[in-house]
Amino acid sequence: MYRILPYTYKKAKEMNVKIFPSRNPKYKIDVFGSDDIFICSIGAFGYKDFPHFIKEDGIEYALRRRAAYKKRHERDRHEIGSRGWYSDNLLW
């Protein structure tokens, strides 16, 4: 099971959403609105994200990986409310 780190909980609080480890084994996190209604599942299980890169590889490497992620997902991370938008804002 994916371990959600404090970075992601802080970002979720700022966005006024609730997050839990995903019940779907393909994803890391399930996102719920403040009204407890399911929004989406995000983060492909088995891949690292920004807070895990920081923890395991250091901030310099994590920043390079973040830049690569944002460039790779440029098309799908700007549509507010999409899975890409939640992934970008919660995990990166």
PDB file of N, CA and C in Angstrom:
ATOM      1  N   MET A   1       0.847  -1.183   0.000  1.00  0.00           N
ATOM      2  CA  MET A   1       0.000   0.000   0.000  1.00  0.00           C
ATOM      3  C   MET A   1       0.894   1.248   0.000  1.00  0.00           C
ATOM      4  N   TYR A   2       0.481   2.251  -0.731  1.00  0.00           N
ATOM      5  CA  TYR A   2       1.207   3.513  -0.837  1.00  0.00           C
ATOM      6  C   TYR A   2       1.118   4.294   0.462  1.00  0.00           C
ATOM      7  N   ARG A   3       2.239   4.854   0.883  1.00  0.00           N
ATOM      8  CA  ARG A   3       2.274   5.672   2.097  1.00  0.00           C
ATOM      9  C   ARG A   3       2.252   7.144   1.705  1.00  0.00           C
ATOM     10  N   ILE A   4       1.186   7.828   2.069  1.00  0.00           N
ATOM     11  CA  ILE A   4       1.051   9.248   1.767  1.00  0.00           C
ATOM     12  C   ILE A   4       1.916  10.031   2.749  1.00  0.00           C
ATOM     13  N   LEU A   5       2.766  10.898   2.225  1.00  0.00           N
ATOM     14  CA  LEU A   5       3.675  11.677   3.061  1.00  0.00           C
ATOM     15  C   LEU A   5       3.062  13.029   3.436  1.00  0.00           C
ATOM     16  N   PRO A   6       3.604  13.680   4.473  1.00  0.00           N
ATOM     17  CA  PRO A   6       3.048  14.962   4.935  1.00  0.00           C
ATOM     18  C   PRO A   6       2.928  16.031   3.850  1.00  0.00           C
ATOM     19  N   TYR A   7       3.861  16.063   2.898  1.00  0.00           N
ATOM     20  CA  TYR A   7       3.801  17.026   1.794  1.00  0.00           C
ATOM     21  C   TYR A   7       2.446  16.946   1.087  1.00  0.00           C
ATOM     22  N   THR A   8       2.001  15.730   0.783  1.00  0.00           N
ATOM     23  CA  THR A   8       0.755  15.545   0.040  1.00  0.00           C
ATOM     24  C   THR A   8      -0.452  15.868   0.900  1.00  0.00           C
ATOM     25  N   TYR A   9      -0.405  15.521   2.187  1.00  0.00           N
ATOM     26  CA  TYR A   9      -1.513  15.888   3.082  1.00  0.00           C
ATOM     27  C   TYR A   9      -1.636  17.407   3.188  1.00  0.00           C
ATOM     28  N   LYS A  10      -0.505  18.092   3.243  1.00  0.00           N
ATOM     29  CA  LYS A  10      -0.529  19.561   3.316  1.00  0.00           C
ATOM     30  C   LYS A  10      -1.151  20.155   2.054  1.00  0.00           C
ATOM     31  N   LYS A  11      -0.757  19.633   0.893  1.00  0.00           N
ATOM     32  CA  LYS A  11      -1.310  20.126  -0.365  1.00  0.00           C
ATOM     33  C   LYS A  11      -2.819  19.860  -0.446  1.00  0.00           C
ATOM     34  N   ALA A  12      -3.252  18.698   0.047  1.00  0.00           N
ATOM     35  CA  ALA A  12      -4.681  18.355   0.034  1.00  0.00           C
ATOM     36  C   ALA A  12      -5.466  19.320   0.916  1.00  0.00           C
ATOM     37  N   LYS A  13      -4.915  19.642   2.061  1.00  0.00           N
ATOM     38  CA  LYS A  13      -5.591  20.577   2.960  1.00  0.00           C
ATOM     39  C   LYS A  13      -5.728  21.950   2.298  1.00  0.00           C
ATOM     40  N   GLU A  14      -4.680  22.399   1.610  1.00  0.00           N
ATOM     41  CA  GLU A  14      -4.719  23.678   0.899  1.00  0.00           C
ATOM     42  C   GLU A  14      -5.778  23.674  -0.202  1.00  0.00           C
ATOM     43  N   MET A  15      -6.005  22.507  -0.809  1.00  0.00           N
ATOM     44  CA  MET A  15      -6.973  22.383  -1.898  1.00  0.00           C
ATOM     45  C   MET A  15      -8.376  22.053  -1.389  1.00  0.00           C
ATOM     46  N   ASN A  16      -8.500  21.849  -0.086  1.00  0.00           N
ATOM     47  CA  ASN A  16      -9.783  21.516   0.541  1.00  0.00           C
ATOM     48  C   ASN A  16     -10.356  20.197   0.006  1.00  0.00           C
ATOM     49  N   VAL A  17      -9.475  19.198  -0.119  1.00  0.00           N
ATOM     50  CA  VAL A  17      -9.894  17.847  -0.491  1.00  0.00           C
ATOM     51  C   VAL A  17      -9.353  16.872   0.554  1.00  0.00           C
ATOM     52  N   LYS A  18      -9.929  15.684   0.573  1.00  0.00           N
ATOM     53  CA  LYS A  18      -9.469  14.629   1.462  1.00  0.00           C
ATOM     54  C   LYS A  18      -8.800  13.553   0.611  1.00  0.00           C
ATOM     55  N   ILE A  19      -7.732  12.978   1.137  1.00  0.00           N
ATOM     56  CA  ILE A  19      -7.013  11.945   0.396  1.00  0.00           C
ATOM     57  C   ILE A  19      -6.804  10.716   1.276  1.00  0.00           C
ATOM     58  N   PHE A  20      -6.833   9.569   0.623  1.00  0.00           N
ATOM     59  CA  PHE A  20      -6.620   8.288   1.284  1.00  0.00           C
ATOM     60  C   PHE A  20      -5.847   7.388   0.334  1.00  0.00           C
ATOM     61  N   PRO A  21      -5.103   6.404   0.863  1.00  0.00           N
ATOM     62  CA  PRO A  21      -4.489   5.434  -0.038  1.00  0.00           C
ATOM     63  C   PRO A  21      -5.573   4.808  -0.916  1.00  0.00           C
ATOM     64  N   SER A  22      -5.275   4.642  -2.177  1.00  0.00           N
ATOM     65  CA  SER A  22      -6.280   4.162  -3.121  1.00  0.00           C
ATOM     66  C   SER A  22      -6.683   2.715  -2.864  1.00  0.00           C
ATOM     67  N   ARG A  23      -7.946   2.450  -3.074  1.00  0.00           N
ATOM     68  CA  ARG A  23      -8.454   1.073  -3.001  1.00  0.00           C
ATOM     69  C   ARG A  23      -8.207   0.344  -4.315  1.00  0.00           C
ATOM     70  N   ASN A  24      -7.900   1.094  -5.354  1.00  0.00           N
ATOM     71  CA  ASN A  24      -7.572   0.521  -6.654  1.00  0.00           C
ATOM     72  C   ASN A  24      -6.057   0.264  -6.687  1.00  0.00           C
ATOM     73  N   PRO A  25      -5.630  -0.971  -6.865  1.00  0.00           N
ATOM     74  CA  PRO A  25      -4.198  -1.272  -6.802  1.00  0.00           C
ATOM     75  C   PRO A  25      -3.350  -0.617  -7.893  1.00  0.00           C
ATOM     76  N   LYS A  26      -3.971  -0.040  -8.907  1.00  0.00           N
ATOM     77  CA  LYS A  26      -3.225   0.639  -9.967  1.00  0.00           C
ATOM     78  C   LYS A  26      -2.807   2.054  -9.578  1.00  0.00           C
ATOM     79  N   TYR A  27      -3.438   2.614  -8.538  1.00  0.00           N
ATOM     80  CA  TYR A  27      -3.223   4.009  -8.180  1.00  0.00           C
ATOM     81  C   TYR A  27      -2.718   4.163  -6.754  1.00  0.00           C
ATOM     82  N   LYS A  28      -2.167   5.351  -6.461  1.00  0.00           N
ATOM     83  CA  LYS A  28      -1.630   5.653  -5.142  1.00  0.00           C
ATOM     84  C   LYS A  28      -2.686   6.241  -4.204  1.00  0.00           C
ATOM     85  N   ILE A  29      -3.465   7.186  -4.719  1.00  0.00           N
ATOM     86  CA  ILE A  29      -4.321   8.004  -3.865  1.00  0.00           C
ATOM     87  C   ILE A  29      -5.728   8.107  -4.441  1.00  0.00           C
ATOM     88  N   ASP A  30      -6.722   8.058  -3.544  1.00  0.00           N
ATOM     89  CA  ASP A  30      -8.105   8.389  -3.888  1.00  0.00           C
ATOM     90  C   ASP A  30      -8.373   9.785  -3.349  1.00  0.00           C
ATOM     91  N   VAL A  31      -8.954  10.637  -4.187  1.00  0.00           N
ATOM     92  CA  VAL A  31      -9.241  12.025  -3.825  1.00  0.00           C
ATOM     93  C   VAL A  31     -10.748  12.174  -3.628  1.00  0.00           C
ATOM     94  N   PHE A  32     -11.128  12.802  -2.523  1.00  0.00           N
ATOM     95  CA  PHE A  32     -12.527  13.047  -2.196  1.00  0.00           C
ATOM     96  C   PHE A  32     -12.721  14.532  -1.940  1.00  0.00           C
ATOM     97  N   GLY A  33     -13.888  15.045  -2.324  1.00  0.00           N
ATOM     98  CA  GLY A  33     -14.222  16.428  -2.034  1.00  0.00           C
ATOM     99  C   GLY A  33     -14.492  16.610  -0.560  1.00  0.00           C
ATOM    100  N   SER A  34     -14.637  17.846  -0.140  1.00  0.00           N
ATOM    101  CA  SER A  34     -14.906  18.127   1.271  1.00  0.00           C
ATOM    102  C   SER A  34     -16.245  17.541   1.716  1.00  0.00           C
ATOM    103  N   ASP A  35     -17.100  17.208   0.749  1.00  0.00           N
ATOM    104  CA  ASP A  35     -18.396  16.597   1.042  1.00  0.00           C
ATOM    105  C   ASP A  35     -18.317  15.068   1.033  1.00  0.00           C
ATOM    106  N   ASP A  36     -17.103  14.519   1.025  1.00  0.00           N
ATOM    107  CA  ASP A  36     -16.827  13.076   1.039  1.00  0.00           C
ATOM    108  C   ASP A  36     -17.271  12.350  -0.233  1.00  0.00           C
ATOM    109  N   ILE A  37     -17.471  13.067  -1.312  1.00  0.00           N
ATOM    110  CA  ILE A  37     -17.815  12.442  -2.591  1.00  0.00           C
ATOM    111  C   ILE A  37     -16.527  12.163  -3.361  1.00  0.00           C
ATOM    112  N   PHE A  38     -16.382  10.933  -3.858  1.00  0.00           N
ATOM    113  CA  PHE A  38     -15.202  10.519  -4.599  1.00  0.00           C
ATOM    114  C   PHE A  38     -15.029  11.378  -5.849  1.00  0.00           C
ATOM    115  N   ILE A  39     -13.804  11.847  -6.055  1.00  0.00           N
ATOM    116  CA  ILE A  39     -13.487  12.644  -7.234  1.00  0.00           C
ATOM    117  C   ILE A  39     -12.716  11.804  -8.249  1.00  0.00           C
ATOM    118  N   CYS A  40     -11.594  11.236  -7.839  1.00  0.00           N
ATOM    119  CA  CYS A  40     -10.779  10.440  -8.755  1.00  0.00           C
ATOM    120  C   CYS A  40      -9.672   9.704  -8.010  1.00  0.00           C
ATOM    121  N   SER A  41      -9.036   8.791  -8.712  1.00  0.00           N
ATOM    122  CA  SER A  41      -7.834   8.128  -8.225  1.00  0.00           C
ATOM    123  C   SER A  41      -6.667   8.685  -9.021  1.00  0.00           C
ATOM    124  N   ILE A  42      -5.530   8.921  -8.349  1.00  0.00           N
ATOM    125  CA  ILE A  42      -4.380   9.528  -9.021  1.00  0.00           C
ATOM    126  C   ILE A  42      -3.090   8.798  -8.684  1.00  0.00           C
ATOM    127  N   GLY A  43      -2.087   9.023  -9.510  1.00  0.00           N
ATOM    128  CA  GLY A  43      -0.748   8.516  -9.262  1.00  0.00           C
ATOM    129  C   GLY A  43      -0.596   7.045  -9.569  1.00  0.00           C
ATOM    130  N   ALA A  44       0.116   6.729 -10.615  1.00  0.00           N
ATOM    131  CA  ALA A  44       0.337   5.335 -10.967  1.00  0.00           C
ATOM    132  C   ALA A  44       1.168   4.658  -9.885  1.00  0.00           C
ATOM    133  N   PHE A  45       0.643   3.572  -9.353  1.00  0.00           N
ATOM    134  CA  PHE A  45       1.349   2.839  -8.310  1.00  0.00           C
ATOM    135  C   PHE A  45       2.634   2.255  -8.900  1.00  0.00           C
ATOM    136  N   GLY A  46       3.694   2.321  -8.139  1.00  0.00           N
ATOM    137  CA  GLY A  46       4.960   1.770  -8.605  1.00  0.00           C
ATOM    138  C   GLY A  46       5.929   2.826  -9.096  1.00  0.00           C
ATOM    139  N   TYR A  47       5.483   4.068  -9.244  1.00  0.00           N
ATOM    140  CA  TYR A  47       6.339   5.166  -9.648  1.00  0.00           C
ATOM    141  C   TYR A  47       6.483   6.130  -8.480  1.00  0.00           C
ATOM    142  N   LYS A  48       7.648   6.738  -8.372  1.00  0.00           N
ATOM    143  CA  LYS A  48       7.858   7.729  -7.311  1.00  0.00           C
ATOM    144  C   LYS A  48       7.205   9.048  -7.698  1.00  0.00           C
ATOM    145  N   ASP A  49       7.019   9.900  -6.703  1.00  0.00           N
ATOM    146  CA  ASP A  49       6.508  11.246  -6.905  1.00  0.00           C
ATOM    147  C   ASP A  49       7.424  12.207  -6.160  1.00  0.00           C
ATOM    148  N   PHE A  50       7.152  13.490  -6.233  1.00  0.00           N
ATOM    149  CA  PHE A  50       8.041  14.507  -5.673  1.00  0.00           C
ATOM    150  C   PHE A  50       8.395  14.267  -4.201  1.00  0.00           C
ATOM    151  N   PRO A  51       7.422  14.075  -3.301  1.00  0.00           N
ATOM    152  CA  PRO A  51       7.823  13.881  -1.900  1.00  0.00           C
ATOM    153  C   PRO A  51       8.651  12.616  -1.667  1.00  0.00           C
ATOM    154  N   HIS A  52       8.399  11.574  -2.432  1.00  0.00           N
ATOM    155  CA  HIS A  52       9.192  10.355  -2.270  1.00  0.00           C
ATOM    156  C   HIS A  52      10.595  10.525  -2.866  1.00  0.00           C
ATOM    157  N   PHE A  53      10.717  11.272  -3.964  1.00  0.00           N
ATOM    158  CA  PHE A  53      12.051  11.565  -4.488  1.00  0.00           C
ATOM    159  C   PHE A  53      12.852  12.369  -3.466  1.00  0.00           C
ATOM    160  N   ILE A  54      12.218  13.357  -2.827  1.00  0.00           N
ATOM    161  CA  ILE A  54      12.911  14.146  -1.809  1.00  0.00           C
ATOM    162  C   ILE A  54      13.411  13.231  -0.691  1.00  0.00           C
ATOM    163  N   LYS A  55      12.532  12.401  -0.195  1.00  0.00           N
ATOM    164  CA  LYS A  55      12.858  11.532   0.937  1.00  0.00           C
ATOM    165  C   LYS A  55      13.972  10.536   0.591  1.00  0.00           C
ATOM    166  N   GLU A  56      13.926   9.954  -0.587  1.00  0.00           N
ATOM    167  CA  GLU A  56      14.841   8.870  -0.925  1.00  0.00           C
ATOM    168  C   GLU A  56      16.077   9.305  -1.707  1.00  0.00           C
ATOM    169  N   ASP A  57      15.985  10.404  -2.472  1.00  0.00           N
ATOM    170  CA  ASP A  57      17.089  10.779  -3.362  1.00  0.00           C
ATOM    171  C   ASP A  57      17.604  12.201  -3.156  1.00  0.00           C
ATOM    172  N   GLY A  58      16.942  12.983  -2.313  1.00  0.00           N
ATOM    173  CA  GLY A  58      17.396  14.349  -2.067  1.00  0.00           C
ATOM    174  C   GLY A  58      16.657  15.373  -2.910  1.00  0.00           C
ATOM    175  N   ILE A  59      16.693  16.610  -2.435  1.00  0.00           N
ATOM    176  CA  ILE A  59      15.912  17.689  -3.045  1.00  0.00           C
ATOM    177  C   ILE A  59      16.402  18.037  -4.452  1.00  0.00           C
ATOM    178  N   GLU A  60      17.717  18.036  -4.693  1.00  0.00           N
ATOM    179  CA  GLU A  60      18.216  18.403  -6.022  1.00  0.00           C
ATOM    180  C   GLU A  60      17.708  17.449  -7.095  1.00  0.00           C
ATOM    181  N   TYR A  61      17.794  16.163  -6.822  1.00  0.00           N
ATOM    182  CA  TYR A  61      17.296  15.176  -7.786  1.00  0.00           C
ATOM    183  C   TYR A  61      15.783  15.279  -7.923  1.00  0.00           C
ATOM    184  N   ALA A  62      15.098  15.489  -6.799  1.00  0.00           N
ATOM    185  CA  ALA A  62      13.636  15.606  -6.823  1.00  0.00           C
ATOM    186  C   ALA A  62      13.194  16.780  -7.690  1.00  0.00           C
ATOM    187  N   LEU A  63      13.906  17.886  -7.629  1.00  0.00           N
ATOM    188  CA  LEU A  63      13.553  19.054  -8.440  1.00  0.00           C
ATOM    189  C   LEU A  63      13.736  18.774  -9.930  1.00  0.00           C
ATOM    190  N   ARG A  64      14.775  18.012 -10.271  1.00  0.00           N
ATOM    191  CA  ARG A  64      14.956  17.630 -11.684  1.00  0.00           C
ATOM    192  C   ARG A  64      13.834  16.706 -12.150  1.00  0.00           C
ATOM    193  N   ARG A  65      13.440  15.772 -11.303  1.00  0.00           N
ATOM    194  CA  ARG A  65      12.349  14.856 -11.656  1.00  0.00           C
ATOM    195  C   ARG A  65      11.029  15.618 -11.771  1.00  0.00           C
ATOM    196  N   ARG A  66      10.815  16.604 -10.899  1.00  0.00           N
ATOM    197  CA  ARG A  66       9.601  17.421 -10.957  1.00  0.00           C
ATOM    198  C   ARG A  66       9.534  18.166 -12.289  1.00  0.00           C
ATOM    199  N   ALA A  67      10.641  18.768 -12.694  1.00  0.00           N
ATOM    200  CA  ALA A  67      10.674  19.502 -13.964  1.00  0.00           C
ATOM    201  C   ALA A  67      10.373  18.562 -15.131  1.00  0.00           C
ATOM    202  N   ALA A  68      10.925  17.366 -15.087  1.00  0.00           N
ATOM    203  CA  ALA A  68      10.666  16.389 -16.155  1.00  0.00           C
ATOM    204  C   ALA A  68       9.195  15.974 -16.171  1.00  0.00           C
ATOM    205  N   TYR A  69       8.611  15.762 -14.984  1.00  0.00           N
ATOM    206  CA  TYR A  69       7.194  15.395 -14.893  1.00  0.00           C
ATOM    207  C   TYR A  69       6.325  16.500 -15.492  1.00  0.00           C
ATOM    208  N   LYS A  70       6.586  17.728 -15.078  1.00  0.00           N
ATOM    209  CA  LYS A  70       5.751  18.841 -15.539  1.00  0.00           C
ATOM    210  C   LYS A  70       5.863  19.021 -17.056  1.00  0.00           C
ATOM    211  N   LYS A  71       7.037  18.832 -17.611  1.00  0.00           N
ATOM    212  CA  LYS A  71       7.206  18.932 -19.059  1.00  0.00           C
ATOM    213  C   LYS A  71       6.477  17.784 -19.766  1.00  0.00           C
ATOM    214  N   ARG A  72       6.610  16.586 -19.227  1.00  0.00           N
ATOM    215  CA  ARG A  72       5.995  15.399 -19.834  1.00  0.00           C
ATOM    216  C   ARG A  72       4.469  15.463 -19.795  1.00  0.00           C
ATOM    217  N   HIS A  73       3.916  16.100 -18.772  1.00  0.00           N
ATOM    218  CA  HIS A  73       2.455  16.152 -18.587  1.00  0.00           C
ATOM    219  C   HIS A  73       1.875  17.540 -18.866  1.00  0.00           C
ATOM    220  N   GLU A  74       2.575  18.318 -19.635  1.00  0.00           N
ATOM    221  CA  GLU A  74       2.140  19.695 -19.905  1.00  0.00           C
ATOM    222  C   GLU A  74       0.715  19.758 -20.453  1.00  0.00           C
ATOM    223  N   ARG A  75       0.334  18.814 -21.286  1.00  0.00           N
ATOM    224  CA  ARG A  75      -0.999  18.870 -21.914  1.00  0.00           C
ATOM    225  C   ARG A  75      -2.136  18.561 -20.955  1.00  0.00           C
ATOM    226  N   ASP A  76      -1.910  17.711 -19.959  1.00  0.00           N
ATOM    227  CA  ASP A  76      -3.047  17.265 -19.132  1.00  0.00           C
ATOM    228  C   ASP A  76      -3.052  17.797 -17.704  1.00  0.00           C
ATOM    229  N   ARG A  77      -2.106  18.652 -17.345  1.00  0.00           N
ATOM    230  CA  ARG A  77      -2.052  19.081 -15.954  1.00  0.00           C
ATOM    231  C   ARG A  77      -2.696  20.450 -15.678  1.00  0.00           C
ATOM    232  N   HIS A  78      -3.230  21.079 -16.703  1.00  0.00           N
ATOM    233  CA  HIS A  78      -3.807  22.415 -16.522  1.00  0.00           C
ATOM    234  C   HIS A  78      -5.330  22.439 -16.475  1.00  0.00           C
ATOM    235  N   GLU A  79      -5.984  21.348 -16.809  1.00  0.00           N
ATOM    236  CA  GLU A  79      -7.446  21.310 -16.810  1.00  0.00           C
ATOM    237  C   GLU A  79      -7.942  21.099 -15.382  1.00  0.00           C
ATOM    238  N   ILE A  80      -8.436  22.150 -14.769  1.00  0.00           N
ATOM    239  CA  ILE A  80      -8.848  22.113 -13.361  1.00  0.00           C
ATOM    240  C   ILE A  80      -9.890  21.020 -13.142  1.00  0.00           C
ATOM    241  N   GLY A  81      -9.623  20.191 -12.137  1.00  0.00           N
ATOM    242  CA  GLY A  81     -10.532  19.108 -11.789  1.00  0.00           C
ATOM    243  C   GLY A  81     -10.220  17.783 -12.462  1.00  0.00           C
ATOM    244  N   SER A  82      -9.263  17.782 -13.389  1.00  0.00           N
ATOM    245  CA  SER A  82      -8.906  16.534 -14.070  1.00  0.00           C
ATOM    246  C   SER A  82      -7.950  15.719 -13.201  1.00  0.00           C
ATOM    247  N   ARG A  83      -7.790  14.460 -13.540  1.00  0.00           N
ATOM    248  CA  ARG A  83      -6.853  13.610 -12.808  1.00  0.00           C
ATOM    249  C   ARG A  83      -5.435  14.173 -12.911  1.00  0.00           C
ATOM    250  N   GLY A  84      -5.073  14.669 -14.088  1.00  0.00           N
ATOM    251  CA  GLY A  84      -3.753  15.263 -14.274  1.00  0.00           C
ATOM    252  C   GLY A  84      -3.542  16.477 -13.397  1.00  0.00           C
ATOM    253  N   TRP A  85      -4.574  17.287 -13.253  1.00  0.00           N
ATOM    254  CA  TRP A  85      -4.495  18.486 -12.409  1.00  0.00           C
ATOM    255  C   TRP A  85      -4.311  18.097 -10.942  1.00  0.00           C
ATOM    256  N   TYR A  86      -5.093  17.123 -10.479  1.00  0.00           N
ATOM    257  CA  TYR A  86      -4.937  16.673  -9.090  1.00  0.00           C
ATOM    258  C   TYR A  86      -3.564  16.057  -8.875  1.00  0.00           C
ATOM    259  N   SER A  87      -3.093  15.254  -9.804  1.00  0.00           N
ATOM    260  CA  SER A  87      -1.764  14.643  -9.670  1.00  0.00           C
ATOM    261  C   SER A  87      -0.696  15.734  -9.594  1.00  0.00           C
ATOM    262  N   ASP A  88      -0.772  16.703 -10.489  1.00  0.00           N
ATOM    263  CA  ASP A  88       0.207  17.777 -10.519  1.00  0.00           C
ATOM    264  C   ASP A  88       0.207  18.553  -9.207  1.00  0.00           C
ATOM    265  N   ASN A  89      -0.964  18.850  -8.684  1.00  0.00           N
ATOM    266  CA  ASN A  89      -1.061  19.689  -7.494  1.00  0.00           C
ATOM    267  C   ASN A  89      -0.850  18.933  -6.182  1.00  0.00           C
ATOM    268  N   LEU A  90      -1.118  17.650  -6.153  1.00  0.00           N
ATOM    269  CA  LEU A  90      -0.951  16.880  -4.914  1.00  0.00           C
ATOM    270  C   LEU A  90       0.375  16.130  -4.841  1.00  0.00           C
ATOM    271  N   LEU A  91       0.840  15.625  -5.955  1.00  0.00           N
ATOM    272  CA  LEU A  91       2.030  14.772  -5.934  1.00  0.00           C
ATOM    273  C   LEU A  91       3.297  15.445  -6.451  1.00  0.00           C
ATOM    274  N   TRP A  92       3.159  16.587  -7.094  1.00  0.00           N
ATOM    275  CA  TRP A  92       4.339  17.230  -7.667  1.00  0.00           C
ATOM    276  C   TRP A  92       4.438  18.682  -7.255  1.00  0.00           C
TER     277      TRP A  92
END
